[in-house]
Amino acid sequence: MGATSRVRRKRVVIPVATIVVVVALVAVLSWTSLVVLGRADGSSSMSPTIPACDGRWLTEGFTYRFRDPHRGEIVAFRARGQLGGPVVPDPEARDLNIGKRVIGIPGDSVEGRGGRVVVNGKQVDDIPTDDFPVTRLDADKYFVLGDNRSFSQDSRDFGPVPRDAIFGRVVLIYWPLGRIGVPGYDKSLVPSGDACGS
């Protein structure tokens, strides 16, 4: 009877312990921003790279502890405010986690000219973009844009993003299931327009 009781206890203790460890691991990874889940929340600003309206992605915060963001990467940064209203990148804020593509890095000169984005005098992609004035990036400042530029609230609106507000790199789209994969940078993509009807 004693051996049977120990076997029953093991059958209960092992799954419960496994669940506790997994929940603790997820909590620690989220709390330290090593893994953060993001979502489009009714936005189409990164569409079609990140699915509009209800697209979801995984952000990892490990890489940027050892190096700075590169041009072309989709970064996640902290901001205060509300989408559609005033947004201010802020490393201390917890209101918003926003995902956008890095277009300019410290020392760059970024402008919208002739319907395209120009960095340091060179066109960076063929994505249609309204003209905007030159922005010269100071140390630790990044210029970010949405891929769906006509429907994106980005550095053209709230200015460059400070390095310390950037906490992670978008590495995986996981929803909708038909779009699971690593987000790329299609430099000639055709933006989807206002796909969410907002």
Protein backbone atom coordinates (compact mmCIF):
# COMPACT_ATOMS: atom_id res chain seq x y z
CA MET A 1 0.00 0.00 0.00
CA GLY A 2 2.90 2.41 0.70
CA ALA A 3 4.43 1.90 -2.79
CA THR A 4 1.06 2.50 -4.48
CA SER A 5 0.60 5.72 -2.52
CA ARG A 6 4.06 6.99 -3.60
CA VAL A 7 3.31 6.22 -7.26
CA ARG A 8 0.01 8.12 -7.05
CA ARG A 9 1.78 11.09 -5.43
CA LYS A 10 4.42 11.10 -8.19
CA ARG A 11 1.67 11.08 -10.83
CA VAL A 12 0.25 14.24 -9.29
CA VAL A 13 3.43 16.00 -8.14
CA ILE A 14 5.40 15.75 -11.41
CA PRO A 15 2.73 17.39 -13.66
CA VAL A 16 1.96 20.05 -11.03
CA ALA A 17 5.68 20.82 -10.57
CA THR A 18 6.12 21.01 -14.35
CA ILE A 19 3.26 23.50 -14.66
CA VAL A 20 4.65 25.62 -11.80
CA VAL A 21 8.12 25.70 -13.40
CA VAL A 22 6.72 26.64 -16.85
CA VAL A 23 4.53 29.41 -15.41
CA ALA A 24 7.47 30.75 -13.36
CA LEU A 25 9.76 30.68 -16.41
CA VAL A 26 7.23 32.54 -18.58
CA ALA A 27 6.70 35.10 -15.80
CA VAL A 28 10.44 35.73 -15.40
CA LEU A 29 11.00 35.99 -19.18
CA SER A 30 8.11 38.45 -19.52
CA TRP A 31 9.09 40.49 -16.48
CA THR A 32 12.68 40.86 -17.73
CA SER A 33 11.43 41.64 -21.28
CA LEU A 34 13.42 38.72 -22.68
CA VAL A 35 10.21 37.46 -24.30
CA VAL A 36 7.20 39.70 -24.91
CA LEU A 37 4.07 38.98 -26.90
CA GLY A 38 2.85 41.84 -29.10
CA ARG A 39 -0.33 42.46 -31.06
CA ALA A 40 -1.61 44.82 -33.74
CA ASP A 41 -4.59 45.97 -31.61
CA GLY A 42 -6.68 47.17 -34.53
CA SER A 43 -3.74 48.75 -36.34
CA SER A 44 -2.57 48.18 -39.90
CA SER A 45 0.62 50.25 -39.57
CA MET A 46 3.00 47.31 -40.20
CA SER A 47 0.76 45.54 -42.71
CA PRO A 48 1.32 43.42 -44.72
CA THR A 49 4.56 42.44 -42.92
CA ILE A 50 2.64 41.98 -39.67
CA PRO A 51 -1.00 41.04 -40.32
CA ALA A 52 -3.36 43.97 -39.82
CA CYS A 53 -5.93 44.35 -37.05
CA ASP A 54 -5.27 41.21 -34.99
CA GLY A 55 -1.75 40.12 -35.98
CA ARG A 56 0.39 38.87 -33.12
CA TRP A 57 4.13 38.56 -32.79
CA LEU A 58 6.89 37.45 -30.46
CA THR A 59 9.56 39.91 -29.37
CA GLU A 60 12.87 38.79 -27.90
CA GLY A 61 14.81 41.13 -25.66
CA PHE A 62 18.07 39.20 -25.50
CA THR A 63 19.89 40.46 -28.62
CA TYR A 64 19.74 44.17 -27.76
CA ARG A 65 21.43 43.57 -24.44
CA PHE A 66 24.59 42.92 -26.49
CA ARG A 67 24.22 45.07 -29.59
CA ASP A 68 22.23 48.00 -30.94
CA PRO A 69 19.36 47.72 -33.46
CA HIS A 70 20.26 47.56 -37.15
CA ARG A 71 18.52 49.25 -40.08
CA GLY A 72 15.68 47.12 -41.40
CA GLU A 73 14.92 45.29 -38.15
CA ILE A 74 11.48 45.52 -36.58
CA VAL A 75 11.93 46.74 -33.03
CA ALA A 76 9.57 46.96 -30.08
CA PHE A 77 9.77 50.04 -27.90
CA ARG A 78 7.96 51.41 -24.88
CA ALA A 79 5.83 54.53 -25.13
CA ARG A 80 3.20 56.43 -23.23
CA GLY A 81 0.00 57.74 -24.70
CA GLN A 82 -2.60 56.16 -26.93
CA LEU A 83 -2.49 55.02 -30.56
CA GLY A 84 -4.34 57.55 -32.66
CA GLY A 85 -3.53 60.22 -30.06
CA PRO A 86 -0.28 61.62 -28.75
CA VAL A 87 2.45 58.97 -28.39
CA VAL A 88 5.78 59.63 -26.68
CA PRO A 89 8.56 56.99 -26.69
CA ASP A 90 9.55 56.54 -23.06
CA PRO A 91 11.77 53.82 -21.53
CA GLU A 92 9.86 54.03 -18.22
CA ALA A 93 6.36 53.78 -19.75
CA ARG A 94 4.27 50.64 -19.74
CA ASP A 95 1.24 52.04 -21.62
CA LEU A 96 2.27 50.84 -25.08
CA ASN A 97 4.66 48.37 -26.65
CA ILE A 98 4.93 49.47 -30.27
CA GLY A 99 6.53 47.56 -33.16
CA LYS A 100 8.07 49.51 -36.07
CA ARG A 101 10.88 49.10 -38.59
CA VAL A 102 14.23 50.85 -37.99
CA ILE A 103 14.97 53.12 -40.94
CA GLY A 104 17.63 55.39 -39.45
CA ILE A 105 20.30 54.78 -36.83
CA PRO A 106 22.41 57.26 -34.81
CA GLY A 107 24.29 59.67 -37.09
CA ASP A 108 21.92 59.18 -40.06
CA SER A 109 19.99 61.84 -41.94
CA VAL A 110 16.46 60.66 -42.85
CA GLU A 111 13.90 62.35 -45.08
CA GLY A 112 10.92 61.64 -47.27
CA ARG A 113 11.65 62.92 -50.77
CA GLY A 114 9.99 62.17 -54.10
CA GLY A 115 7.54 59.74 -52.49
CA ARG A 116 10.27 57.55 -50.98
CA VAL A 117 12.44 57.40 -47.85
CA VAL A 118 16.00 58.64 -48.27
CA VAL A 119 18.74 57.90 -45.71
CA ASN A 120 22.10 59.65 -46.04
CA GLY A 121 21.20 60.63 -49.62
CA LYS A 122 20.24 57.09 -50.75
CA GLN A 123 16.76 55.70 -51.30
CA VAL A 124 16.24 52.80 -48.87
CA ASP A 125 13.20 51.07 -50.37
CA ASP A 126 10.36 51.44 -52.88
CA ILE A 127 7.54 51.70 -50.33
CA PRO A 128 5.42 54.77 -51.13
CA THR A 129 5.96 57.44 -48.46
CA ASP A 130 4.71 61.00 -48.18
CA ASP A 131 7.48 63.58 -48.16
CA PHE A 132 8.71 64.73 -44.75
CA PRO A 133 11.53 67.06 -43.64
CA VAL A 134 15.08 65.96 -42.90
CA THR A 135 15.71 64.53 -39.45
CA ARG A 136 19.31 64.23 -38.27
CA LEU A 137 19.66 61.53 -35.65
CA ASP A 138 21.68 62.24 -32.53
CA ALA A 139 23.54 59.58 -30.59
CA ASP A 140 21.22 56.89 -29.24
CA LYS A 141 18.26 57.97 -31.45
CA TYR A 142 16.48 55.78 -34.00
CA PHE A 143 14.04 56.70 -36.77
CA VAL A 144 11.25 54.12 -37.09
CA LEU A 145 8.48 53.77 -39.67
CA GLY A 146 5.57 51.44 -40.21
CA ASP A 147 5.62 49.46 -43.46
CA ASN A 148 2.08 50.69 -44.24
CA ARG A 149 3.31 54.26 -44.20
CA SER A 150 0.10 56.05 -45.11
CA PHE A 151 -1.57 54.53 -42.02
CA SER A 152 1.30 54.52 -39.56
CA GLN A 153 1.93 56.64 -36.50
CA ASP A 154 5.73 56.65 -36.29
CA SER A 155 8.85 58.84 -36.04
CA ARG A 156 7.31 61.29 -38.50
CA ASP A 157 4.73 61.99 -35.78
CA PHE A 158 6.50 61.44 -32.44
CA GLY A 159 10.12 61.96 -33.45
CA PRO A 160 13.13 59.68 -33.08
CA VAL A 161 12.98 56.86 -30.54
CA PRO A 162 15.63 56.88 -27.78
CA ARG A 163 17.75 53.73 -27.61
CA ASP A 164 16.76 53.04 -24.01
CA ALA A 165 13.06 52.87 -25.01
CA ILE A 166 13.82 50.01 -27.44
CA PHE A 167 13.61 46.74 -25.57
CA GLY A 168 13.33 44.02 -28.18
CA ARG A 169 13.36 42.69 -31.72
CA VAL A 170 10.30 41.19 -33.40
CA VAL A 171 11.39 37.69 -34.42
CA LEU A 172 8.21 35.71 -35.10
CA ILE A 173 4.66 36.26 -36.30
CA TYR A 174 2.47 33.63 -34.65
CA TRP A 175 -1.09 34.77 -35.46
CA PRO A 176 -3.00 34.24 -37.63
CA LEU A 177 -1.77 30.69 -37.90
CA GLY A 178 -1.59 30.90 -41.70
CA ARG A 179 1.05 33.64 -41.35
CA ILE A 180 3.39 31.95 -38.86
CA GLY A 181 6.97 32.84 -39.71
CA VAL A 182 9.84 35.29 -39.42
CA PRO A 183 8.97 38.83 -40.55
CA GLY A 184 11.07 39.94 -43.52
CA TYR A 185 11.75 43.26 -45.19
CA ASP A 186 10.16 43.42 -48.63
CA LYS A 187 11.63 46.68 -49.92
CA SER A 188 9.12 46.84 -52.77
CA LEU A 189 5.95 45.83 -50.90
CA VAL A 190 2.62 47.36 -51.71
CA PRO A 191 1.03 48.68 -48.51
CA SER A 192 -2.44 47.34 -47.76
CA GLY A 193 -4.07 50.66 -46.95
CA ASP A 194 -6.46 50.98 -44.02
CA ALA A 195 -7.14 47.25 -43.65
CA CYS A 196 -8.85 47.63 -40.24
CA GLY A 197 -11.36 50.26 -41.32
CA SER A 198 -10.43 52.66 -38.54
